Protein backbone atom coordinates (compact mmCIF):
# COMPACT_ATOMS: atom_id res chain seq x y z
CA MET A 1 0.00 0.00 0.00
CA GLN A 2 1.12 3.55 -0.78
CA LEU A 3 0.84 5.79 2.29
CA ILE A 4 0.41 9.43 1.26
CA ALA A 5 1.97 11.24 4.21
CA ASP A 6 1.05 14.82 4.99
CA THR A 7 3.64 17.25 6.33
CA ASN A 8 3.09 16.63 10.03
CA VAL A 9 4.02 12.96 9.57
CA TRP A 10 7.49 13.99 8.41
CA TYR A 11 7.86 16.36 11.35
CA ASP A 12 6.83 13.53 13.69
CA ILE A 13 9.32 11.09 12.15
CA GLY A 14 12.08 13.71 12.27
CA ALA A 15 11.39 14.37 15.95
CA THR A 16 11.24 10.59 16.65
CA ARG A 17 7.62 10.89 17.76
CA ARG A 18 6.67 8.32 15.14
CA ASP A 19 8.48 5.21 13.94
CA PRO A 20 8.61 5.05 10.12
CA TYR A 21 9.19 1.29 10.23
CA MET A 22 5.94 0.84 12.14
CA LEU A 23 4.15 2.82 9.43
CA LYS A 24 5.74 0.69 6.75
CA ALA A 25 4.68 -2.47 8.61
CA GLY A 26 7.76 -4.45 7.75
CA GLY A 27 7.75 -3.45 4.09
CA GLN A 28 4.04 -3.95 3.45
CA HIS A 29 3.58 -0.21 2.92
CA ARG A 30 5.53 2.48 1.07
CA LEU A 31 5.75 6.04 2.40
CA VAL A 32 5.13 8.75 -0.19
CA ALA A 33 6.02 12.42 0.31
CA THR A 34 4.31 15.16 -1.68
CA PRO A 35 5.91 18.28 -3.17
CA ILE A 36 3.48 20.35 -1.09
CA SER A 37 5.08 18.97 2.09
CA ILE A 38 8.56 19.85 0.87
CA LEU A 39 7.47 23.40 0.01
CA GLU A 40 5.82 23.75 3.42
CA ILE A 41 9.04 22.61 5.12
CA ALA A 42 11.08 25.02 2.99
CA SER A 43 8.93 28.07 3.77
CA LEU A 44 9.06 29.82 7.13
CA ILE A 45 5.38 30.53 7.72
CA ASP A 46 4.88 27.86 10.38
CA ARG A 47 5.99 27.73 14.01
CA TYR A 48 8.75 25.21 13.28
CA ASN A 49 12.36 26.35 13.66
CA LEU A 50 15.19 25.50 11.28
CA HIS A 51 16.30 22.42 13.24
CA GLU A 52 12.78 20.96 13.15
CA ARG A 53 12.58 21.64 9.43
CA GLN A 54 15.94 19.96 8.92
CA THR A 55 14.91 16.81 10.76
CA ALA A 56 11.65 16.70 8.76
CA ALA A 57 13.59 17.09 5.49
CA GLN A 58 16.04 14.39 6.61
CA ALA A 59 13.09 12.12 7.40
CA ILE A 60 11.93 12.46 3.79
CA LEU A 61 15.43 11.68 2.51
CA ASN A 62 15.75 8.67 4.80
CA TYR A 63 12.30 7.13 4.70
CA ALA A 64 10.29 8.35 1.71
CA ASP A 65 10.06 5.53 -0.81
CA GLU A 66 8.79 7.99 -3.38
CA ILE A 67 8.15 11.70 -3.93
CA ALA A 68 4.92 12.16 -5.82
CA VAL A 69 4.53 14.50 -8.78
CA ASP A 70 2.99 17.88 -8.02
CA PRO A 71 -0.83 17.94 -7.61
CA GLU A 72 -1.53 19.72 -10.91
CA SER A 73 0.52 17.25 -12.93
CA HIS A 74 -1.11 14.37 -11.08
CA LEU A 75 -4.55 15.79 -11.91
CA ALA A 76 -3.57 16.06 -15.56
CA SER A 77 -2.62 12.39 -15.62
CA LEU A 78 -5.91 11.45 -13.94
CA TRP A 79 -7.82 13.39 -16.61
CA ASN A 80 -5.68 11.68 -19.27
CA LEU A 81 -4.14 14.98 -20.42
CA PRO A 82 -0.52 15.55 -21.49
CA THR A 83 1.77 16.67 -18.68
CA PRO A 84 5.09 18.51 -18.89
CA GLU A 85 8.26 16.68 -17.95
CA GLN A 86 9.01 16.83 -14.22
CA ASN A 87 12.36 18.48 -13.52
CA VAL A 88 12.04 19.84 -9.98
CA PRO A 89 14.85 18.34 -7.82
CA TRP A 90 12.77 17.70 -4.69
CA ASN A 91 15.48 15.55 -3.10
CA ASP A 92 18.03 18.33 -3.62
CA ILE A 93 15.72 20.81 -1.89
CA CYS A 94 15.56 18.49 1.10
CA LYS A 95 19.35 18.08 1.09
CA ALA A 96 19.86 21.86 0.99
CA ILE A 97 17.54 22.31 3.98
CA VAL A 98 19.39 19.62 5.93
CA GLN A 99 22.87 20.97 5.14
CA SER A 100 22.23 24.68 5.72
CA SER A 101 23.39 26.36 8.92
CA SER A 102 20.86 29.18 8.68
CA THR A 103 17.95 30.41 6.63
CA MET A 104 20.26 32.99 5.06
CA GLU A 105 22.69 30.28 3.91
CA LEU A 106 19.79 28.23 2.55
CA GLN A 107 18.69 31.27 0.54
CA LYS A 108 22.21 32.07 -0.73
CA GLY A 109 23.31 28.49 -1.35
CA VAL A 110 24.84 25.49 0.38
CA ALA A 111 27.96 23.70 -0.86
CA ASP A 112 27.82 19.90 -0.79
CA VAL A 113 31.43 18.71 -0.84
CA ASN A 114 30.57 15.03 -1.22
CA ASP A 115 28.21 15.49 -4.17
CA ARG A 116 30.30 18.40 -5.56
CA VAL A 117 27.25 20.58 -6.09
CA PHE A 118 25.96 23.91 -4.83
CA ARG A 119 22.32 23.93 -3.78
CA LYS A 120 20.06 26.77 -2.72
CA VAL A 121 16.38 27.17 -1.95
CA ASN A 122 14.49 30.37 -2.63
CA VAL A 123 12.79 30.51 0.75
CA SER A 124 11.13 33.84 -0.05
CA LEU A 125 9.62 32.37 -3.20
CA ALA A 126 8.39 29.30 -1.30
CA GLU A 127 6.77 31.58 1.27
CA ALA A 128 5.22 33.79 -1.40
CA TRP A 129 3.89 30.76 -3.30
CA ARG A 130 2.45 29.23 -0.17
CA LEU A 131 0.80 32.46 0.99
CA TYR A 132 -0.66 33.08 -2.48
CA GLN A 133 -2.06 29.57 -2.70
CA TRP A 134 -3.47 29.74 0.83
CA ASN A 135 -5.03 33.17 0.36
CA ASP A 136 -6.57 32.07 -2.95
CA PHE A 137 -7.95 28.92 -1.33
CA LYS A 138 -9.19 30.82 1.73
CA SER A 139 -10.96 33.44 -0.40
CA LYS A 140 -12.83 30.71 -2.27
CA VAL A 141 -13.85 29.04 1.00
CA ASP A 142 -14.99 32.39 2.42
CA TYR A 143 -16.96 33.20 -0.73
CA VAL A 144 -18.78 29.86 -0.81
CA LEU A 145 -19.64 29.92 2.89
CA ASN A 146 -20.68 33.57 2.88
CA LEU A 147 -23.52 32.60 0.51
CA ASP A 148 -25.10 30.48 3.25
CA VAL A 149 -23.58 32.08 6.33
CA PRO A 150 -24.18 35.84 6.01
CA GLY A 151 -21.35 37.73 7.66
CA TYR A 152 -18.94 34.78 7.48
CA LYS A 153 -16.44 36.62 5.28
CA ALA A 154 -16.52 39.78 7.40
CA ALA A 155 -16.02 37.75 10.57
CA ARG A 156 -13.01 35.97 9.06
CA ARG A 157 -11.42 39.32 8.17
CA LYS A 158 -11.57 40.19 11.88
CA GLY A 159 -10.01 36.87 12.82
CA LYS A 160 -13.32 35.56 14.13
CA ILE A 161 -15.53 32.68 13.06
CA LYS A 162 -19.26 32.50 12.54
CA HIS A 163 -20.98 29.11 12.71
CA LEU A 164 -24.37 27.79 11.70
CA ASN A 165 -26.72 26.12 14.15
CA LYS A 166 -27.56 22.43 13.76
CA LYS A 167 -30.59 22.90 11.49
CA GLU A 168 -28.83 25.47 9.30
CA GLY A 169 -25.81 23.17 9.11
CA GLU A 170 -27.97 20.31 7.87
CA ASN A 171 -29.44 22.50 5.15
CA LEU A 172 -25.98 23.63 4.06
CA SER A 173 -24.74 20.04 4.08
CA ASN A 174 -27.56 18.97 1.77
CA ARG A 175 -26.86 21.82 -0.64
CA LEU A 176 -23.10 21.25 -0.76
CA LYS A 177 -23.60 17.54 -1.35
CA SER A 178 -25.87 18.21 -4.32
CA ILE A 179 -24.98 17.05 -7.81
CA GLU A 180 -24.68 20.66 -8.98
CA VAL A 181 -22.05 21.64 -6.39
CA ASN A 182 -20.29 18.32 -6.90
CA LYS A 183 -19.89 19.11 -10.59
CA VAL A 184 -18.49 22.57 -9.83
CA ILE A 185 -15.69 21.03 -7.72
CA VAL A 186 -15.00 18.40 -10.37
CA LYS A 187 -14.80 21.08 -13.08
CA GLY A 188 -12.33 22.98 -10.90
CA THR A 189 -9.97 19.99 -10.89
CA PHE A 190 -10.39 19.66 -14.66
CA CYS A 191 -9.49 23.32 -15.25
CA ARG A 192 -6.38 22.89 -13.09
CA ALA A 193 -5.38 19.91 -15.21
CA LEU A 194 -6.05 21.81 -18.45
CA ARG A 195 -3.77 24.67 -17.36
CA VAL A 196 -0.91 22.21 -16.86
CA ALA A 197 -1.61 20.75 -20.29
CA GLY A 198 -1.59 24.27 -21.79
CA GLN A 199 -5.22 24.09 -22.85
CA PRO A 200 -8.06 26.58 -22.22
CA CYS A 201 -10.61 25.80 -19.54
CA ARG A 202 -13.73 23.96 -20.71
CA GLN A 203 -16.31 21.53 -19.43
CA PRO A 204 -15.23 17.88 -19.34
CA THR A 205 -17.06 15.65 -21.77
CA ASP A 206 -19.44 13.04 -20.39
CA ALA A 207 -16.89 10.36 -21.21
CA GLU A 208 -14.06 12.25 -19.47
CA TYR A 209 -16.25 12.85 -16.43
CA ALA A 210 -17.36 9.23 -16.14
CA ARG A 211 -13.80 7.91 -16.55
CA THR A 212 -12.12 10.28 -14.08
CA TYR A 213 -14.69 10.92 -11.37
CA PRO A 214 -14.03 7.70 -9.40
CA SER A 215 -10.36 8.68 -9.15
CA ILE A 216 -11.03 12.14 -7.72
CA ALA A 217 -14.10 11.25 -5.62
CA PRO A 218 -12.07 11.15 -2.33
CA TYR A 219 -10.86 14.71 -3.00
CA VAL A 220 -14.29 15.99 -4.01
CA ASP A 221 -15.95 14.44 -0.97
CA ALA A 222 -13.22 15.65 1.40
CA TYR A 223 -13.45 19.21 0.02
CA THR A 224 -17.23 19.16 0.48
CA GLU A 225 -16.99 17.83 4.03
CA TYR A 226 -14.30 20.41 4.83
CA LEU A 227 -16.59 23.26 3.72
CA ILE A 228 -19.41 21.90 5.86
CA ARG A 229 -17.17 21.65 8.92
CA CYS A 230 -15.76 25.15 8.38
CA ALA A 231 -19.34 26.44 8.51
CA THR A 232 -20.35 24.40 11.56
CA GLU A 233 -17.30 23.48 13.66
CA TYR A 234 -13.97 25.17 13.10
CA ALA A 235 -12.02 27.89 11.31
CA PRO A 236 -9.78 27.22 8.29
CA GLU A 237 -6.05 26.97 9.05
CA THR A 238 -3.03 27.77 6.89
CA ASN A 239 -2.00 24.14 6.33
CA ASP A 240 -5.49 23.01 5.30
CA LEU A 241 -4.80 23.44 1.60
CA GLY A 242 -1.76 21.16 1.64
CA ASP A 243 -3.60 18.55 3.69
CA LEU A 244 -6.61 18.62 1.36
CA GLU A 245 -4.34 18.19 -1.66
CA CYS A 246 -3.21 14.82 -0.26
CA PHE A 247 -6.66 13.47 -1.14
CA LEU A 248 -5.86 13.98 -4.84
CA TYR A 249 -3.46 11.03 -4.65
CA LEU A 250 -5.94 8.53 -3.22
CA GLN A 251 -6.39 6.01 -6.02
CA GLY A 252 -5.81 2.28 -6.16
CA HIS A 253 -3.83 0.99 -3.19
CA ALA A 254 -3.15 4.40 -1.68
CA ALA A 255 -4.20 5.76 1.70
CA LEU A 256 -3.79 9.01 3.61
CA VAL A 257 -1.74 8.99 6.80
CA SER A 258 -1.97 12.09 9.00
CA ARG A 259 -1.65 13.22 12.60
CA ASP A 260 -4.15 16.04 12.06
CA LYS A 261 -7.40 15.17 13.83
CA ARG A 262 -9.65 17.21 11.57
CA TRP A 263 -8.42 15.49 8.41
CA GLY A 264 -8.52 12.10 10.10
CA LYS A 265 -12.19 12.68 10.94
CA ILE A 266 -12.96 13.85 7.42
CA ALA A 267 -11.17 10.87 5.84
CA ARG A 268 -12.92 8.39 8.13
CA LYS A 269 -16.27 9.83 7.12
CA VAL A 270 -15.92 10.31 3.35
CA CYS A 271 -13.33 7.72 2.26
CA PRO A 272 -12.54 5.27 5.08
CA ALA A 273 -11.08 2.77 2.61
CA TYR A 274 -8.40 5.35 1.77
CA TYR A 275 -7.42 6.25 5.33
CA TYR A 276 -4.61 4.62 7.32
CA ASP A 277 -4.80 5.25 11.05
CA PRO A 278 -1.18 5.58 12.20
CA ASP A 279 -2.08 4.90 15.82
CA SER A 280 -4.22 1.82 15.42
CA ALA A 281 -2.24 0.58 12.40
CA SER A 282 -5.46 -0.22 10.60
CA ILE A 283 -7.31 1.11 7.59
């Protein structure tokens, strides 16, 4: 089984809070890192200090059996669209993080005597990319929820959260789980894939939809459930986008592994067959 690990798993392994060999169950499972996790580790938005980032990056180098392609390219392959050749040296980014003595050195460049190369990571660019992606994602969440939760967007601007009561939450849940909203989310993944393929956005054909939907259903259902919970239980957090993107990789013998309770709850509800509980060691 392929275990799609979100970023906190790598932090846990790096800090020896979690045993990677237990996750791999004696070779029965393979640990997969995502580019989103590497970019999160490279940026400095989170509370983690450089040492914690280094141990997380080293954990990927030591224990990741594979680094997945980026989410957009993966979507393009799911939609059976042409994808550009992958040339991002994700392993080298991890090595640069591990070998740097400071954020400044990481930005300027780190010499690797053994490999005879000079590596650097544009930390500022990683931060800017992550903030842009998060703000874009957050604005879409705010817009959708503000339609059913008047004042939601204004409350979020003030750092507050406005929730629906139980009855209102049930009504919102029914609307968000409708076929119409479902198709909007599916089209969004298709447009992302088309951009990677260098093609203009359009509606997927019936054949494309029928062929691809089963592969992206975990993501669509998780996104829907996330919106419902943001309106009824909790506020969005900066890492939510990266965690949600992990659901894009849940096809075949793949499963999400995460320490985050909110995503564990969502996965158990919408796609339990694609969730691996790291604490009970069961799916």
